[in-house]
Amino acid sequence: MQAKTAGPYRIELHVLAAEPFFTKQEIADKHVKEGMQIEGGAAPVPPSADTHPNHHLVVHVFDKRTDKVVTDATVTMSFVALDANGKTTGTPVTVPVVIMQAIGSGPSSTHYGNNVTMPPGRYTVMVTVNGSNASFAVTASDSLSAPMGHMKM
């Protein structure tokens, strides 16, 4: 996890293992206990997608004055690979941002992002929250933290 301040926000970036997404109806019908509950935004990329997503790239957004979770932010995200010298290689990949909550954790777990395909390597992740920008330097690997649905919020 990395955190940055941008405008009135504290933004926490997490790069985790890909997560399954469920609608509220699927959670109720199937008694799902782990994964992400879709609250809005873009279409989620399932772990089984043809693109073979291997990471859950998400941000938590907090009001830096009150430290309360921001549940209604407009968030955009993209990432670009870096070479050994820290220079970008290729074009940025836009992340279709899903608004989600960890199942059973409620609004306090609201976060933004999606499952993405990031081969091992170094990246810059660019995030905009309601017009405030932050960028993060990350290293993606094949050994990942537990999916967020398994984390205590």
N, C-alpha and C. Protein backbone atom coordinates (compact mmCIF):
# COMPACT_ATOMS: atom_id res chain seq x y z
N MET A 1 0.84 -1.18 0.00
CA MET A 1 0.00 0.00 0.00
C MET A 1 0.89 1.24 0.00
N GLN A 2 0.48 2.20 -0.81
CA GLN A 2 1.13 3.50 -0.81
C GLN A 2 0.05 4.56 -0.64
N ALA A 3 0.40 5.64 0.03
CA ALA A 3 -0.55 6.74 0.22
C ALA A 3 0.06 8.05 -0.24
N LYS A 4 -0.77 8.88 -0.84
CA LYS A 4 -0.37 10.22 -1.28
C LYS A 4 -1.50 11.17 -0.96
N THR A 5 -1.13 12.44 -0.79
CA THR A 5 -2.12 13.50 -0.62
C THR A 5 -2.26 14.22 -1.95
N ALA A 6 -3.51 14.43 -2.36
CA ALA A 6 -3.79 15.17 -3.60
C ALA A 6 -5.01 16.04 -3.33
N GLY A 7 -4.80 17.35 -3.36
CA GLY A 7 -5.90 18.26 -3.05
C GLY A 7 -6.44 17.95 -1.67
N PRO A 8 -7.76 17.83 -1.52
CA PRO A 8 -8.34 17.57 -0.21
C PRO A 8 -8.41 16.08 0.16
N TYR A 9 -7.69 15.23 -0.58
CA TYR A 9 -7.81 13.78 -0.40
C TYR A 9 -6.50 13.11 0.01
N ARG A 10 -6.66 12.03 0.77
CA ARG A 10 -5.58 11.07 0.97
C ARG A 10 -5.96 9.86 0.14
N ILE A 11 -5.09 9.47 -0.76
CA ILE A 11 -5.37 8.38 -1.69
C ILE A 11 -4.44 7.22 -1.36
N GLU A 12 -5.01 6.06 -1.10
CA GLU A 12 -4.23 4.85 -0.83
C GLU A 12 -4.33 3.92 -2.03
N LEU A 13 -3.20 3.56 -2.59
CA LEU A 13 -3.15 2.63 -3.73
C LEU A 13 -2.80 1.24 -3.22
N HIS A 14 -3.55 0.25 -3.69
CA HIS A 14 -3.28 -1.15 -3.36
C HIS A 14 -3.14 -1.94 -4.66
N VAL A 15 -2.14 -2.83 -4.71
CA VAL A 15 -1.97 -3.76 -5.83
C VAL A 15 -2.05 -5.14 -5.20
N LEU A 16 -3.16 -5.83 -5.45
CA LEU A 16 -3.45 -7.11 -4.81
C LEU A 16 -3.71 -8.17 -5.86
N ALA A 17 -4.01 -9.38 -5.42
CA ALA A 17 -4.42 -10.45 -6.34
C ALA A 17 -5.80 -10.13 -6.92
N ALA A 18 -6.05 -10.56 -8.15
CA ALA A 18 -7.35 -10.33 -8.81
C ALA A 18 -8.48 -10.84 -7.92
N GLU A 19 -9.59 -10.12 -7.94
CA GLU A 19 -10.75 -10.40 -7.09
C GLU A 19 -11.99 -10.71 -7.92
N PRO A 20 -12.88 -11.58 -7.43
CA PRO A 20 -14.17 -11.76 -8.09
C PRO A 20 -15.11 -10.62 -7.71
N PHE A 21 -16.01 -10.27 -8.62
CA PHE A 21 -17.00 -9.22 -8.41
C PHE A 21 -18.39 -9.85 -8.43
N PHE A 22 -19.30 -9.29 -7.62
CA PHE A 22 -20.66 -9.79 -7.54
C PHE A 22 -21.64 -8.63 -7.40
N THR A 23 -22.83 -8.79 -7.97
CA THR A 23 -23.89 -7.82 -7.75
C THR A 23 -24.51 -8.11 -6.37
N LYS A 24 -25.28 -7.16 -5.87
CA LYS A 24 -25.97 -7.37 -4.60
C LYS A 24 -26.90 -8.59 -4.68
N GLN A 25 -27.54 -8.75 -5.84
CA GLN A 25 -28.46 -9.88 -6.01
C GLN A 25 -27.70 -11.21 -5.99
N GLU A 26 -26.56 -11.28 -6.67
CA GLU A 26 -25.74 -12.51 -6.66
C GLU A 26 -25.27 -12.84 -5.25
N ILE A 27 -24.89 -11.83 -4.49
CA ILE A 27 -24.43 -12.05 -3.12
C ILE A 27 -25.55 -12.66 -2.29
N ALA A 28 -26.76 -12.11 -2.44
CA ALA A 28 -27.91 -12.61 -1.69
C ALA A 28 -28.30 -14.01 -2.15
N ASP A 29 -28.40 -14.21 -3.48
CA ASP A 29 -28.86 -15.49 -4.01
C ASP A 29 -27.88 -16.63 -3.75
N LYS A 30 -26.58 -16.33 -3.85
CA LYS A 30 -25.56 -17.37 -3.73
C LYS A 30 -24.87 -17.40 -2.36
N HIS A 31 -25.28 -16.51 -1.48
CA HIS A 31 -24.70 -16.42 -0.13
C HIS A 31 -23.18 -16.24 -0.19
N VAL A 32 -22.74 -15.34 -1.08
CA VAL A 32 -21.32 -15.08 -1.27
C VAL A 32 -20.78 -14.34 -0.04
N LYS A 33 -19.62 -14.77 0.44
CA LYS A 33 -19.02 -14.17 1.65
C LYS A 33 -17.73 -13.41 1.37
N GLU A 34 -17.08 -13.63 0.23
CA GLU A 34 -15.81 -12.98 -0.07
C GLU A 34 -15.81 -12.47 -1.50
N GLY A 35 -15.10 -11.37 -1.71
CA GLY A 35 -15.00 -10.76 -3.02
C GLY A 35 -15.49 -9.33 -2.96
N MET A 36 -15.78 -8.77 -4.13
CA MET A 36 -16.16 -7.38 -4.23
C MET A 36 -17.63 -7.23 -4.61
N GLN A 37 -18.33 -6.35 -3.93
CA GLN A 37 -19.71 -6.00 -4.24
C GLN A 37 -19.68 -4.78 -5.15
N ILE A 38 -20.29 -4.90 -6.32
CA ILE A 38 -20.33 -3.81 -7.30
C ILE A 38 -21.31 -2.74 -6.83
N GLU A 39 -20.83 -1.50 -6.76
CA GLU A 39 -21.67 -0.37 -6.36
C GLU A 39 -21.97 0.55 -7.53
N GLY A 40 -21.18 0.47 -8.60
CA GLY A 40 -21.40 1.33 -9.76
C GLY A 40 -20.14 1.45 -10.58
N GLY A 41 -20.16 2.39 -11.51
CA GLY A 41 -19.00 2.63 -12.35
C GLY A 41 -18.95 1.72 -13.55
N ALA A 42 -17.74 1.43 -14.00
CA ALA A 42 -17.51 0.62 -15.20
C ALA A 42 -17.81 -0.86 -14.96
N ALA A 43 -17.80 -1.60 -16.03
CA ALA A 43 -17.98 -3.05 -15.92
C ALA A 43 -16.74 -3.68 -15.30
N PRO A 44 -16.93 -4.57 -14.32
CA PRO A 44 -15.77 -5.22 -13.72
C PRO A 44 -15.14 -6.24 -14.66
N VAL A 45 -13.85 -6.43 -14.52
CA VAL A 45 -13.11 -7.44 -15.28
C VAL A 45 -12.99 -8.67 -14.37
N PRO A 46 -13.66 -9.77 -14.71
CA PRO A 46 -13.58 -10.95 -13.85
C PRO A 46 -12.21 -11.61 -13.94
N PRO A 47 -11.78 -12.31 -12.87
CA PRO A 47 -10.49 -13.00 -12.91
C PRO A 47 -10.39 -14.01 -14.06
N SER A 48 -11.53 -14.48 -14.54
CA SER A 48 -11.55 -15.47 -15.63
C SER A 48 -11.55 -14.85 -17.03
N ALA A 49 -11.42 -13.52 -17.13
CA ALA A 49 -11.47 -12.84 -18.43
C ALA A 49 -10.34 -13.31 -19.35
N ASP A 50 -10.57 -13.18 -20.66
CA ASP A 50 -9.58 -13.57 -21.66
C ASP A 50 -8.25 -12.83 -21.52
N THR A 51 -8.28 -11.65 -20.89
CA THR A 51 -7.05 -10.87 -20.70
C THR A 51 -6.19 -11.40 -19.56
N HIS A 52 -6.70 -12.40 -18.83
CA HIS A 52 -5.99 -13.02 -17.71
C HIS A 52 -5.52 -12.00 -16.67
N PRO A 53 -6.45 -11.22 -16.11
CA PRO A 53 -6.04 -10.23 -15.11
C PRO A 53 -5.41 -10.92 -13.90
N ASN A 54 -4.31 -10.36 -13.44
CA ASN A 54 -3.60 -10.96 -12.32
C ASN A 54 -3.51 -10.04 -11.10
N HIS A 55 -3.99 -8.81 -11.23
CA HIS A 55 -3.92 -7.86 -10.12
C HIS A 55 -5.24 -7.13 -9.95
N HIS A 56 -5.52 -6.76 -8.72
CA HIS A 56 -6.65 -5.93 -8.33
C HIS A 56 -6.03 -4.58 -7.99
N LEU A 57 -6.13 -3.64 -8.92
CA LEU A 57 -5.51 -2.32 -8.79
C LEU A 57 -6.58 -1.34 -8.33
N VAL A 58 -6.49 -0.90 -7.08
CA VAL A 58 -7.56 -0.08 -6.51
C VAL A 58 -7.01 1.05 -5.64
N VAL A 59 -7.84 2.07 -5.48
CA VAL A 59 -7.54 3.15 -4.54
C VAL A 59 -8.68 3.32 -3.55
N HIS A 60 -8.31 3.59 -2.32
CA HIS A 60 -9.23 4.04 -1.29
C HIS A 60 -9.04 5.55 -1.21
N VAL A 61 -10.13 6.29 -1.10
CA VAL A 61 -10.07 7.74 -1.07
C VAL A 61 -10.65 8.23 0.26
N PHE A 62 -9.88 9.09 0.93
CA PHE A 62 -10.28 9.64 2.23
C PHE A 62 -10.25 11.16 2.18
N ASP A 63 -11.18 11.79 2.87
CA ASP A 63 -11.13 13.23 3.08
C ASP A 63 -9.98 13.47 4.06
N LYS A 64 -8.97 14.22 3.65
CA LYS A 64 -7.78 14.34 4.50
C LYS A 64 -8.05 15.12 5.79
N ARG A 65 -9.11 15.93 5.83
CA ARG A 65 -9.43 16.67 7.06
C ARG A 65 -10.11 15.78 8.09
N THR A 66 -11.02 14.93 7.64
CA THR A 66 -11.82 14.13 8.57
C THR A 66 -11.40 12.67 8.62
N ASP A 67 -10.60 12.23 7.65
CA ASP A 67 -10.17 10.85 7.48
C ASP A 67 -11.35 9.91 7.18
N LYS A 68 -12.47 10.47 6.74
CA LYS A 68 -13.63 9.63 6.36
C LYS A 68 -13.50 9.17 4.92
N VAL A 69 -14.00 7.97 4.66
CA VAL A 69 -13.98 7.41 3.31
C VAL A 69 -14.87 8.24 2.40
N VAL A 70 -14.38 8.53 1.21
CA VAL A 70 -15.16 9.24 0.20
C VAL A 70 -15.83 8.18 -0.66
N THR A 71 -17.16 8.12 -0.61
CA THR A 71 -17.90 7.07 -1.30
C THR A 71 -18.47 7.50 -2.64
N ASP A 72 -18.32 8.78 -2.99
CA ASP A 72 -18.94 9.28 -4.22
C ASP A 72 -17.96 10.04 -5.10
N ALA A 73 -16.70 9.64 -5.09
CA ALA A 73 -15.68 10.32 -5.89
C ALA A 73 -15.79 9.93 -7.37
N THR A 74 -15.32 10.83 -8.22
CA THR A 74 -15.12 10.51 -9.63
C THR A 74 -13.63 10.22 -9.77
N VAL A 75 -13.31 8.98 -10.10
CA VAL A 75 -11.92 8.51 -10.12
C VAL A 75 -11.57 8.01 -11.52
N THR A 76 -10.40 8.40 -12.00
CA THR A 76 -9.83 7.80 -13.20
C THR A 76 -8.47 7.24 -12.83
N MET A 77 -8.10 6.16 -13.52
CA MET A 77 -6.82 5.50 -13.26
C MET A 77 -6.22 5.02 -14.56
N SER A 78 -4.90 5.04 -14.61
CA SER A 78 -4.18 4.41 -15.71
C SER A 78 -2.81 4.02 -15.19
N PHE A 79 -2.14 3.16 -15.94
CA PHE A 79 -0.78 2.77 -15.57
C PHE A 79 0.04 2.59 -16.83
N VAL A 80 1.35 2.76 -16.67
CA VAL A 80 2.27 2.60 -17.78
C VAL A 80 3.52 1.90 -17.26
N ALA A 81 4.06 0.99 -18.08
CA ALA A 81 5.27 0.26 -17.70
C ALA A 81 6.48 1.17 -17.77
N LEU A 82 7.47 0.87 -16.93
CA LEU A 82 8.73 1.61 -16.91
C LEU A 82 9.87 0.67 -17.27
N ASP A 83 10.89 1.21 -17.95
CA ASP A 83 12.07 0.41 -18.24
C ASP A 83 13.05 0.48 -17.06
N ALA A 84 14.21 -0.13 -17.19
CA ALA A 84 15.20 -0.18 -16.11
C ALA A 84 15.67 1.21 -15.70
N ASN A 85 15.56 2.19 -16.59
CA ASN A 85 15.98 3.55 -16.29
C ASN A 85 14.84 4.43 -15.78
N GLY A 86 13.65 3.84 -15.60
CA GLY A 86 12.52 4.59 -15.10
C GLY A 86 11.77 5.38 -16.15
N LYS A 87 12.06 5.10 -17.42
CA LYS A 87 11.37 5.79 -18.53
C LYS A 87 10.18 4.94 -18.95
N THR A 88 9.09 5.62 -19.35
CA THR A 88 7.90 4.90 -19.76
C THR A 88 8.14 4.12 -21.05
N THR A 89 7.52 2.96 -21.11
CA THR A 89 7.57 2.13 -22.32
C THR A 89 6.14 1.85 -22.74
N GLY A 90 5.83 2.13 -23.97
CA GLY A 90 4.47 1.90 -24.45
C GLY A 90 3.53 3.03 -24.07
N THR A 91 2.26 2.77 -24.25
CA THR A 91 1.23 3.77 -23.96
C THR A 91 0.53 3.42 -22.64
N PRO A 92 0.02 4.41 -21.94
CA PRO A 92 -0.70 4.13 -20.70
C PRO A 92 -1.93 3.25 -20.95
N VAL A 93 -2.22 2.40 -19.99
CA VAL A 93 -3.39 1.53 -20.02
C VAL A 93 -4.44 2.16 -19.12
N THR A 94 -5.61 2.47 -19.68
CA THR A 94 -6.70 3.04 -18.89
C THR A 94 -7.41 1.93 -18.13
N VAL A 95 -7.63 2.15 -16.86
CA VAL A 95 -8.33 1.18 -16.01
C VAL A 95 -9.81 1.57 -15.98
N PRO A 96 -10.71 0.66 -16.40
CA PRO A 96 -12.15 0.95 -16.26
C PRO A 96 -12.51 0.90 -14.77
N VAL A 97 -12.85 2.03 -14.18
CA VAL A 97 -13.00 2.14 -12.72
C VAL A 97 -14.38 1.67 -12.27
N VAL A 98 -14.37 0.65 -11.42
CA VAL A 98 -15.56 0.13 -10.77
C VAL A 98 -15.59 0.73 -9.37
N ILE A 99 -16.75 1.14 -8.91
CA ILE A 99 -16.94 1.55 -7.52
C ILE A 99 -17.39 0.28 -6.79
N MET A 100 -16.69 -0.07 -5.70
CA MET A 100 -16.96 -1.36 -5.05
C MET A 100 -16.79 -1.27 -3.55
N GLN A 101 -17.28 -2.31 -2.88
CA GLN A 101 -17.07 -2.50 -1.45
C GLN A 101 -16.68 -3.94 -1.24
N ALA A 102 -15.88 -4.19 -0.21
CA ALA A 102 -15.59 -5.57 0.18
C ALA A 102 -16.89 -6.16 0.73
N ILE A 103 -17.24 -7.36 0.29
CA ILE A 103 -18.49 -7.99 0.72
C ILE A 103 -18.54 -8.07 2.24
N GLY A 104 -19.65 -7.60 2.79
CA GLY A 104 -19.87 -7.64 4.22
C GLY A 104 -19.23 -6.52 5.00
N SER A 105 -18.50 -5.61 4.34
CA SER A 105 -17.79 -4.55 5.04
C SER A 105 -18.48 -3.20 4.98
N GLY A 106 -19.43 -3.03 4.07
CA GLY A 106 -20.20 -1.80 4.00
C GLY A 106 -19.47 -0.62 3.40
N PRO A 107 -20.11 0.57 3.46
CA PRO A 107 -19.57 1.77 2.82
C PRO A 107 -18.17 2.16 3.26
N SER A 108 -17.77 1.82 4.48
CA SER A 108 -16.43 2.20 4.95
C SER A 108 -15.33 1.50 4.16
N SER A 109 -15.68 0.49 3.37
CA SER A 109 -14.69 -0.21 2.55
C SER A 109 -14.76 0.22 1.08
N THR A 110 -15.51 1.28 0.77
CA THR A 110 -15.66 1.73 -0.61
C THR A 110 -14.30 2.04 -1.21
N HIS A 111 -14.07 1.52 -2.40
CA HIS A 111 -12.84 1.80 -3.13
C HIS A 111 -13.11 1.73 -4.63
N TYR A 112 -12.10 2.10 -5.42
CA TYR A 112 -12.26 2.34 -6.84
C TYR A 112 -11.13 1.65 -7.60
N GLY A 113 -11.46 0.97 -8.70
CA GLY A 113 -10.44 0.32 -9.52
C GLY A 113 -11.02 -0.87 -10.24
N ASN A 114 -10.16 -1.85 -10.54
CA ASN A 114 -10.60 -3.03 -11.28
C ASN A 114 -9.48 -4.05 -11.28
N ASN A 115 -9.79 -5.21 -11.81
CA ASN A 115 -8.76 -6.22 -12.08
C ASN A 115 -8.06 -5.83 -13.37
N VAL A 116 -6.74 -5.97 -13.38
CA VAL A 116 -5.93 -5.60 -14.53
C VAL A 116 -4.87 -6.66 -14.78
N THR A 117 -4.30 -6.61 -15.97
CA THR A 117 -3.17 -7.48 -16.32
C THR A 117 -1.90 -6.65 -16.26
N MET A 118 -1.05 -6.97 -15.30
CA MET A 118 0.23 -6.27 -15.13
C MET A 118 1.33 -7.33 -15.01
N PRO A 119 2.05 -7.59 -16.09
CA PRO A 119 3.17 -8.52 -15.97
C PRO A 119 4.17 -8.01 -14.93
N PRO A 120 4.98 -8.89 -14.35
CA PRO A 120 5.97 -8.43 -13.39
C PRO A 120 6.81 -7.30 -13.98
N GLY A 121 7.04 -6.27 -13.17
CA GLY A 121 7.83 -5.13 -13.62
C GLY A 121 7.48 -3.88 -12.84
N ARG A 122 8.07 -2.78 -13.27
CA ARG A 122 7.86 -1.48 -12.63
C ARG A 122 6.87 -0.66 -13.44
N TYR A 123 6.04 0.10 -12.72
CA TYR A 123 4.98 0.88 -13.35
C TYR A 123 4.82 2.23 -12.65
N THR A 124 4.26 3.17 -13.38
CA THR A 124 3.70 4.38 -12.79
C THR A 124 2.19 4.25 -12.90
N VAL A 125 1.51 4.45 -11.78
CA VAL A 125 0.04 4.44 -11.75
C VAL A 125 -0.40 5.88 -11.53
N MET A 126 -1.22 6.38 -12.46
CA MET A 126 -1.75 7.74 -12.38
C MET A 126 -3.21 7.68 -11.94
N VAL A 127 -3.55 8.50 -10.94
CA VAL A 127 -4.90 8.51 -10.38
C VAL A 127 -5.39 9.96 -10.32
N THR A 128 -6.64 10.16 -10.72
CA THR A 128 -7.28 11.46 -10.56
C THR A 128 -8.56 11.27 -9.75
N VAL A 129 -8.70 12.03 -8.69
CA VAL A 129 -9.88 11.99 -7.83
C VAL A 129 -10.50 13.38 -7.85
N ASN A 130 -11.68 13.49 -8.44
CA ASN A 130 -12.39 14.77 -8.50
C ASN A 130 -11.46 15.90 -8.94
N GLY A 131 -10.60 15.64 -9.93
CA GLY A 131 -9.71 16.64 -10.49
C GLY A 131 -8.36 16.77 -9.81
N SER A 132 -8.15 16.10 -8.68
CA SER A 132 -6.86 16.12 -7.99
C SER A 132 -6.04 14.91 -8.42
N ASN A 133 -4.78 15.15 -8.81
CA ASN A 133 -3.93 14.10 -9.39
C ASN A 133 -2.87 13.59 -8.43
N ALA A 134 -2.60 12.29 -8.54
CA ALA A 134 -1.50 11.67 -7.81
C ALA A 134 -0.90 10.59 -8.70
N SER A 135 0.40 10.37 -8.56
CA SER A 135 1.02 9.24 -9.28
C SER A 135 1.84 8.44 -8.30
N PHE A 136 1.90 7.14 -8.57
CA PHE A 136 2.55 6.19 -7.68
C PHE A 136 3.52 5.34 -8.49
N ALA A 137 4.69 5.08 -7.94
CA ALA A 137 5.65 4.16 -8.54
C ALA A 137 5.44 2.81 -7.85
N VAL A 138 5.13 1.78 -8.64
CA VAL A 138 4.88 0.45 -8.07
C VAL A 138 5.68 -0.61 -8.82
N THR A 139 5.90 -1.70 -8.13
CA THR A 139 6.49 -2.87 -8.75
C THR A 139 5.48 -3.99 -8.64
N ALA A 140 5.09 -4.55 -9.77
CA ALA A 140 4.16 -5.67 -9.79
C ALA A 140 4.97 -6.95 -9.83
N SER A 141 4.49 -7.95 -9.10
CA SER A 141 5.17 -9.24 -9.09
C SER A 141 4.13 -10.34 -9.15
N ASP A 142 4.60 -11.57 -9.20
CA ASP A 142 3.69 -12.70 -9.19
C ASP A 142 3.32 -13.12 -7.77
N SER A 143 4.07 -12.64 -6.76
CA SER A 143 3.73 -12.94 -5.38
C SER A 143 2.98 -11.75 -4.82
N LEU A 144 1.71 -11.97 -4.52
CA LEU A 144 0.82 -10.88 -4.14
C LEU A 144 0.30 -11.04 -2.73
N SER A 145 -0.15 -9.92 -2.18
CA SER A 145 -0.84 -9.93 -0.89
C SER A 145 -2.18 -10.64 -1.07
N ALA A 146 -2.80 -10.95 0.05
CA ALA A 146 -4.12 -11.57 0.01
C ALA A 146 -5.08 -10.63 -0.70
N PRO A 147 -6.05 -11.19 -1.42
CA PRO A 147 -7.07 -10.33 -2.02
C PRO A 147 -7.75 -9.49 -0.94
N MET A 148 -8.24 -8.31 -1.32
CA MET A 148 -8.85 -7.39 -0.38
C MET A 148 -10.06 -8.01 0.30
N GLY A 149 -10.80 -8.88 -0.38
CA GLY A 149 -11.96 -9.52 0.20
C GLY A 149 -11.61 -10.37 1.41
N HIS A 150 -10.33 -10.68 1.57
CA HIS A 150 -9.86 -11.47 2.71
C HIS A 150 -9.26 -10.58 3.79
N MET A 151 -9.16 -9.28 3.51
CA MET A 151 -8.55 -8.36 4.47
C MET A 151 -9.61 -7.83 5.41
N LYS A 152 -9.23 -7.54 6.63
CA LYS A 152 -10.13 -6.90 7.59
C LYS A 152 -10.12 -5.41 7.34
N MET A 153 -11.29 -4.82 7.20
CA MET A 153 -11.40 -3.38 6.94
C MET A 153 -11.70 -2.68 8.25
